[in-house]
N, C-alpha and C. Protein backbone atom coordinates (compact mmCIF):
# COMPACT_ATOMS: atom_id res chain seq x y z
N MET A 1 145.36 51.50 71.19
CA MET A 1 146.44 51.68 70.25
C MET A 1 147.75 51.34 70.96
N LYS A 2 148.60 50.57 70.30
CA LYS A 2 149.88 50.20 70.87
C LYS A 2 150.76 51.44 71.01
N ALA A 3 151.69 51.37 71.95
CA ALA A 3 152.57 52.51 72.21
C ALA A 3 153.33 52.91 70.95
N ARG A 4 153.83 51.93 70.20
CA ARG A 4 154.60 52.23 68.98
C ARG A 4 153.72 52.93 67.95
N GLU A 5 152.48 52.46 67.77
CA GLU A 5 151.57 53.09 66.81
C GLU A 5 151.22 54.50 67.26
N LEU A 6 151.05 54.68 68.55
CA LEU A 6 150.76 56.01 69.09
C LEU A 6 151.95 56.94 68.84
N PHE A 7 153.15 56.43 69.04
CA PHE A 7 154.36 57.22 68.80
C PHE A 7 154.43 57.63 67.33
N ILE A 8 154.20 56.69 66.43
CA ILE A 8 154.26 56.98 65.00
C ILE A 8 153.17 57.98 64.61
N ALA A 9 151.97 57.81 65.15
CA ALA A 9 150.89 58.76 64.87
C ALA A 9 151.25 60.15 65.39
N SER A 10 151.88 60.22 66.55
CA SER A 10 152.30 61.51 67.11
C SER A 10 153.35 62.17 66.23
N LEU A 11 154.28 61.36 65.73
CA LEU A 11 155.29 61.90 64.83
C LEU A 11 154.62 62.44 63.57
N GLY A 12 153.62 61.72 63.08
CA GLY A 12 152.89 62.17 61.91
C GLY A 12 152.22 63.51 62.15
N ALA A 13 151.60 63.66 63.29
CA ALA A 13 150.96 64.94 63.64
C ALA A 13 151.99 66.05 63.68
N LEU A 14 153.16 65.75 64.24
CA LEU A 14 154.25 66.73 64.30
C LEU A 14 154.67 67.13 62.89
N MET A 15 154.80 66.14 62.01
CA MET A 15 155.22 66.42 60.64
C MET A 15 154.18 67.24 59.89
N LEU A 16 152.91 66.93 60.10
CA LEU A 16 151.85 67.62 59.39
C LEU A 16 151.62 69.03 59.90
N SER A 17 152.14 69.34 61.07
CA SER A 17 151.95 70.68 61.63
C SER A 17 152.97 71.67 61.09
N GLN A 18 153.55 71.34 59.97
CA GLN A 18 154.56 72.18 59.34
C GLN A 18 153.97 73.43 58.74
N SER A 19 154.83 74.44 58.63
CA SER A 19 154.47 75.54 57.77
C SER A 19 154.63 75.02 56.35
N SER A 20 153.94 75.61 55.40
CA SER A 20 154.01 75.05 54.06
C SER A 20 155.25 75.59 53.36
N GLN A 21 156.28 74.79 53.39
CA GLN A 21 157.55 75.13 52.76
C GLN A 21 157.56 74.42 51.41
N SER A 22 157.94 75.11 50.37
CA SER A 22 157.91 74.48 49.06
C SER A 22 159.04 73.47 48.91
N PHE A 23 158.83 72.55 48.00
CA PHE A 23 159.79 71.50 47.70
C PHE A 23 161.15 72.11 47.37
N ALA A 24 161.16 73.14 46.53
CA ALA A 24 162.42 73.75 46.10
C ALA A 24 163.14 74.46 47.24
N GLN A 25 162.41 74.95 48.22
CA GLN A 25 163.03 75.68 49.32
C GLN A 25 163.59 74.75 50.39
N ASN A 26 163.29 73.49 50.34
CA ASN A 26 163.68 72.58 51.40
C ASN A 26 165.09 72.03 51.18
N SER A 27 166.08 72.92 51.18
CA SER A 27 167.45 72.48 50.93
C SER A 27 167.99 71.65 52.09
N ASN A 28 167.57 71.92 53.34
CA ASN A 28 168.04 71.13 54.47
C ASN A 28 167.58 69.67 54.33
N GLY A 29 166.32 69.45 54.03
CA GLY A 29 165.80 68.09 53.86
C GLY A 29 166.49 67.38 52.71
N LYS A 30 166.66 68.08 51.61
CA LYS A 30 167.32 67.50 50.44
C LYS A 30 168.77 67.14 50.76
N ASN A 31 169.48 68.05 51.46
CA ASN A 31 170.88 67.77 51.82
C ASN A 31 170.99 66.62 52.80
N LEU A 32 170.12 66.58 53.81
CA LEU A 32 170.14 65.46 54.76
C LEU A 32 169.89 64.15 54.03
N TYR A 33 168.91 64.14 53.14
CA TYR A 33 168.61 62.93 52.38
C TYR A 33 169.83 62.51 51.54
N ALA A 34 170.40 63.46 50.81
CA ALA A 34 171.54 63.16 49.94
C ALA A 34 172.73 62.62 50.74
N GLN A 35 172.98 63.21 51.90
CA GLN A 35 174.15 62.82 52.70
C GLN A 35 173.94 61.56 53.51
N ARG A 36 172.70 61.27 53.95
CA ARG A 36 172.49 60.21 54.92
C ARG A 36 171.59 59.07 54.43
N CYS A 37 170.88 59.26 53.34
CA CYS A 37 169.90 58.25 52.92
C CYS A 37 170.11 57.74 51.49
N ALA A 38 170.54 58.63 50.59
CA ALA A 38 170.61 58.28 49.17
C ALA A 38 171.58 57.15 48.86
N MET A 39 172.58 56.94 49.72
CA MET A 39 173.54 55.87 49.43
C MET A 39 172.86 54.49 49.38
N CYS A 40 171.73 54.38 50.06
CA CYS A 40 170.96 53.13 50.00
C CYS A 40 169.67 53.33 49.19
N HIS A 41 168.93 54.39 49.52
CA HIS A 41 167.62 54.59 48.89
C HIS A 41 167.71 55.17 47.49
N GLY A 42 168.85 55.73 47.10
CA GLY A 42 169.02 56.31 45.78
C GLY A 42 168.42 57.70 45.70
N ALA A 43 168.85 58.46 44.71
CA ALA A 43 168.36 59.83 44.53
C ALA A 43 166.86 59.84 44.28
N ASP A 44 166.35 58.75 43.71
CA ASP A 44 164.92 58.67 43.35
C ASP A 44 164.06 58.03 44.45
N ILE A 45 164.67 57.64 45.56
CA ILE A 45 163.99 57.02 46.71
C ILE A 45 163.40 55.64 46.35
N LYS A 46 163.92 55.05 45.28
CA LYS A 46 163.41 53.76 44.81
C LYS A 46 164.29 52.58 45.19
N GLY A 47 165.21 52.79 46.15
CA GLY A 47 166.08 51.69 46.55
C GLY A 47 167.13 51.39 45.50
N THR A 48 167.67 52.44 44.86
CA THR A 48 168.61 52.28 43.76
C THR A 48 170.01 52.79 44.08
N GLY A 49 170.28 53.11 45.34
CA GLY A 49 171.59 53.62 45.71
C GLY A 49 172.66 52.54 45.61
N PRO A 50 173.92 52.93 45.65
CA PRO A 50 175.01 51.96 45.50
C PRO A 50 175.05 50.88 46.59
N LEU A 51 174.45 51.14 47.75
CA LEU A 51 174.43 50.13 48.81
C LEU A 51 173.08 49.40 48.91
N ALA A 52 172.17 49.70 48.00
CA ALA A 52 170.80 49.17 48.10
C ALA A 52 170.73 47.65 48.17
N ASN A 53 171.54 46.97 47.42
CA ASN A 53 171.49 45.51 47.40
C ASN A 53 172.56 44.88 48.27
N LYS A 54 173.19 45.69 49.09
CA LYS A 54 174.24 45.18 49.98
C LYS A 54 173.75 44.99 51.39
N SER A 55 172.46 45.22 51.61
CA SER A 55 171.89 44.98 52.93
C SER A 55 170.95 43.78 52.82
N ASN A 56 170.66 43.19 53.95
CA ASN A 56 169.74 42.06 53.96
C ASN A 56 168.68 42.32 55.03
N PRO A 57 167.47 42.67 54.64
CA PRO A 57 166.93 42.69 53.28
C PRO A 57 167.43 43.90 52.50
N PRO A 58 167.33 43.81 51.16
CA PRO A 58 167.73 44.94 50.32
C PRO A 58 166.88 46.18 50.63
N THR A 59 167.40 47.34 50.31
CA THR A 59 166.71 48.60 50.54
C THR A 59 165.41 48.64 49.74
N PRO A 60 164.30 48.98 50.39
CA PRO A 60 163.02 48.99 49.68
C PRO A 60 162.81 50.24 48.82
N ASP A 61 161.98 50.10 47.82
CA ASP A 61 161.51 51.20 47.00
C ASP A 61 160.41 51.90 47.80
N LEU A 62 160.63 53.15 48.19
CA LEU A 62 159.66 53.88 48.99
C LEU A 62 158.62 54.62 48.15
N THR A 63 158.66 54.38 46.84
CA THR A 63 157.66 55.03 45.97
C THR A 63 156.53 54.07 45.58
N THR A 64 156.53 52.89 46.14
CA THR A 64 155.50 51.92 45.79
C THR A 64 154.14 52.33 46.37
N VAL A 65 153.09 51.80 45.79
CA VAL A 65 151.74 52.05 46.28
C VAL A 65 151.64 51.62 47.75
N ALA A 66 152.24 50.48 48.07
CA ALA A 66 152.18 49.97 49.44
C ALA A 66 152.83 50.94 50.43
N PHE A 67 153.99 51.49 50.06
CA PHE A 67 154.63 52.42 51.00
C PHE A 67 153.87 53.74 51.06
N LYS A 68 153.35 54.19 49.93
CA LYS A 68 152.55 55.43 49.95
C LYS A 68 151.36 55.27 50.89
N LYS A 69 150.74 54.10 50.87
CA LYS A 69 149.61 53.82 51.78
C LYS A 69 150.09 53.83 53.23
N ARG A 70 151.24 53.22 53.47
CA ARG A 70 151.80 53.20 54.83
C ARG A 70 152.08 54.62 55.32
N LEU A 71 152.63 55.45 54.44
CA LEU A 71 152.92 56.84 54.78
C LEU A 71 151.63 57.61 55.05
N GLU A 72 150.60 57.29 54.30
CA GLU A 72 149.30 57.94 54.52
C GLU A 72 148.70 57.51 55.87
N ASP A 73 148.81 56.22 56.18
CA ASP A 73 148.26 55.70 57.44
C ASP A 73 149.08 56.13 58.66
N TYR A 74 150.39 56.19 58.51
CA TYR A 74 151.30 56.54 59.59
C TYR A 74 152.28 57.61 59.09
N PRO A 75 151.87 58.89 59.07
CA PRO A 75 152.72 59.94 58.51
C PRO A 75 154.09 60.06 59.16
N GLY A 76 154.27 59.52 60.35
CA GLY A 76 155.56 59.59 61.01
C GLY A 76 156.49 58.44 60.70
N VAL A 77 156.14 57.60 59.74
CA VAL A 77 156.92 56.39 59.48
C VAL A 77 158.35 56.71 59.04
N ILE A 78 158.56 57.77 58.29
CA ILE A 78 159.91 58.11 57.85
C ILE A 78 160.78 58.48 59.06
N VAL A 79 160.28 59.39 59.86
CA VAL A 79 161.04 59.84 61.03
C VAL A 79 161.22 58.71 62.04
N SER A 80 160.19 57.92 62.24
CA SER A 80 160.32 56.82 63.21
C SER A 80 161.36 55.81 62.75
N SER A 81 161.53 55.65 61.44
CA SER A 81 162.55 54.74 60.93
C SER A 81 163.95 55.24 61.27
N VAL A 82 164.13 56.57 61.25
CA VAL A 82 165.42 57.15 61.61
C VAL A 82 165.66 57.02 63.11
N ILE A 83 164.62 57.29 63.90
CA ILE A 83 164.77 57.29 65.36
C ILE A 83 164.79 55.87 65.93
N LEU A 84 163.82 55.06 65.54
CA LEU A 84 163.64 53.74 66.17
C LEU A 84 164.45 52.62 65.52
N ARG A 85 164.88 52.81 64.30
CA ARG A 85 165.60 51.78 63.56
C ARG A 85 164.92 50.41 63.71
N PRO A 86 163.76 50.26 63.11
CA PRO A 86 163.01 49.01 63.28
C PRO A 86 163.75 47.76 62.83
N ASN A 87 164.74 47.92 61.98
CA ASN A 87 165.53 46.77 61.54
C ASN A 87 166.82 46.63 62.33
N GLY A 88 166.80 47.11 63.57
CA GLY A 88 167.97 46.97 64.44
C GLY A 88 169.18 47.70 63.91
N ASP A 89 170.28 46.99 63.78
CA ASP A 89 171.51 47.64 63.34
C ASP A 89 171.75 47.48 61.84
N LEU A 90 170.69 47.24 61.06
CA LEU A 90 170.83 47.02 59.62
C LEU A 90 171.60 48.15 58.94
N ILE A 91 171.23 49.38 59.21
CA ILE A 91 171.88 50.51 58.55
C ILE A 91 173.33 50.64 58.99
N PRO A 92 173.61 50.73 60.30
CA PRO A 92 175.03 50.85 60.67
C PRO A 92 175.87 49.65 60.22
N ARG A 93 175.29 48.46 60.28
CA ARG A 93 176.03 47.25 59.87
C ARG A 93 176.34 47.31 58.37
N THR A 94 175.36 47.70 57.57
CA THR A 94 175.57 47.78 56.12
C THR A 94 176.66 48.81 55.79
N LEU A 95 176.60 49.95 56.46
CA LEU A 95 177.63 50.97 56.24
C LEU A 95 179.00 50.43 56.64
N ARG A 96 179.08 49.84 57.82
CA ARG A 96 180.35 49.30 58.33
C ARG A 96 180.90 48.22 57.40
N GLU A 97 180.07 47.28 56.98
CA GLU A 97 180.52 46.17 56.14
C GLU A 97 180.99 46.64 54.76
N ASN A 98 180.56 47.83 54.37
CA ASN A 98 180.94 48.36 53.06
C ASN A 98 181.93 49.51 53.15
N GLY A 99 182.52 49.68 54.34
CA GLY A 99 183.56 50.68 54.53
C GLY A 99 183.10 52.13 54.43
N VAL A 100 181.81 52.36 54.65
CA VAL A 100 181.29 53.73 54.59
C VAL A 100 181.30 54.33 55.98
N LYS A 101 181.99 55.44 56.12
CA LYS A 101 182.04 56.14 57.40
C LYS A 101 181.13 57.35 57.31
N LEU A 102 180.10 57.34 58.11
CA LEU A 102 179.12 58.42 58.13
C LEU A 102 179.25 59.12 59.48
N ALA A 103 179.58 60.40 59.44
CA ALA A 103 179.75 61.16 60.69
C ALA A 103 178.44 61.19 61.46
N PRO A 104 178.51 61.13 62.79
CA PRO A 104 177.29 61.25 63.60
C PRO A 104 176.60 62.58 63.29
N HIS A 105 175.31 62.60 63.46
CA HIS A 105 174.55 63.82 63.22
C HIS A 105 173.67 64.10 64.43
N ALA A 106 173.72 65.30 64.94
CA ALA A 106 172.87 65.71 66.06
C ALA A 106 171.54 66.22 65.47
N TRP A 107 170.60 65.31 65.30
CA TRP A 107 169.33 65.63 64.68
C TRP A 107 168.55 66.65 65.51
N THR A 108 167.96 67.61 64.81
CA THR A 108 167.07 68.56 65.45
C THR A 108 165.64 68.26 65.00
N VAL A 109 164.67 68.79 65.69
CA VAL A 109 163.28 68.62 65.28
C VAL A 109 163.11 69.17 63.87
N GLN A 110 163.74 70.30 63.58
CA GLN A 110 163.64 70.88 62.23
C GLN A 110 164.23 69.95 61.18
N ASP A 111 165.34 69.28 61.51
CA ASP A 111 165.92 68.31 60.57
C ASP A 111 164.91 67.22 60.24
N PHE A 112 164.25 66.69 61.26
CA PHE A 112 163.26 65.64 61.03
C PHE A 112 162.12 66.17 60.17
N ARG A 113 161.66 67.36 60.46
CA ARG A 113 160.58 67.95 59.67
C ARG A 113 161.00 68.13 58.22
N ASP A 114 162.21 68.66 58.03
CA ASP A 114 162.69 68.89 56.67
C ASP A 114 162.88 67.59 55.90
N LEU A 115 163.45 66.59 56.54
CA LEU A 115 163.65 65.29 55.88
C LEU A 115 162.30 64.68 55.51
N HIS A 116 161.37 64.72 56.44
CA HIS A 116 160.03 64.19 56.18
C HIS A 116 159.39 64.91 54.99
N ARG A 117 159.43 66.22 55.00
CA ARG A 117 158.81 67.00 53.92
C ARG A 117 159.47 66.68 52.58
N TYR A 118 160.80 66.67 52.55
CA TYR A 118 161.51 66.38 51.30
C TYR A 118 161.13 65.00 50.76
N MET A 119 161.25 63.99 51.63
CA MET A 119 160.96 62.62 51.17
C MET A 119 159.49 62.46 50.78
N SER A 120 158.60 63.02 51.55
CA SER A 120 157.17 62.92 51.24
C SER A 120 156.86 63.58 49.91
N ASP A 121 157.49 64.72 49.64
CA ASP A 121 157.28 65.39 48.35
C ASP A 121 157.78 64.54 47.20
N VAL A 122 158.97 63.97 47.32
CA VAL A 122 159.51 63.13 46.25
C VAL A 122 158.62 61.90 46.05
N ILE A 123 158.23 61.28 47.15
CA ILE A 123 157.39 60.08 47.09
C ILE A 123 156.04 60.40 46.44
N SER A 124 155.43 61.51 46.82
CA SER A 124 154.11 61.85 46.27
C SER A 124 154.16 62.20 44.80
N LYS A 125 155.31 62.68 44.33
CA LYS A 125 155.43 63.05 42.92
C LYS A 125 155.87 61.89 42.05
N SER A 126 156.21 60.76 42.65
CA SER A 126 156.64 59.60 41.87
C SER A 126 155.43 58.81 41.39
N ARG A 127 155.62 58.07 40.35
CA ARG A 127 154.52 57.24 39.82
C ARG A 127 154.55 55.89 40.43
């Protein structure tokens, strides 16, 4: 297994080792998503945010069957996208080019868990 795949699998194991927190109780994950992700991914996680079509490539719909399969195969894919930024400086560049100033955030392990749980719940409940 490649180092990157091992890292993503490890993140998935970390995410799955959560206590079972309900969707409604996950206000930290919801707030992090709303403040740091929704501007591109949209409230529905379908790539419908105001900056979704201002990046190249455009922001993907994370509720598709293909992404759900990817999330199933690599449960850490959401967190690894935040940490590793597989598209290089796409996110900071898109924010900068559109005059969006996003304050730095000192991510905690709990933040990553909460964001993963929130997004996974929204994705799993979408059609």
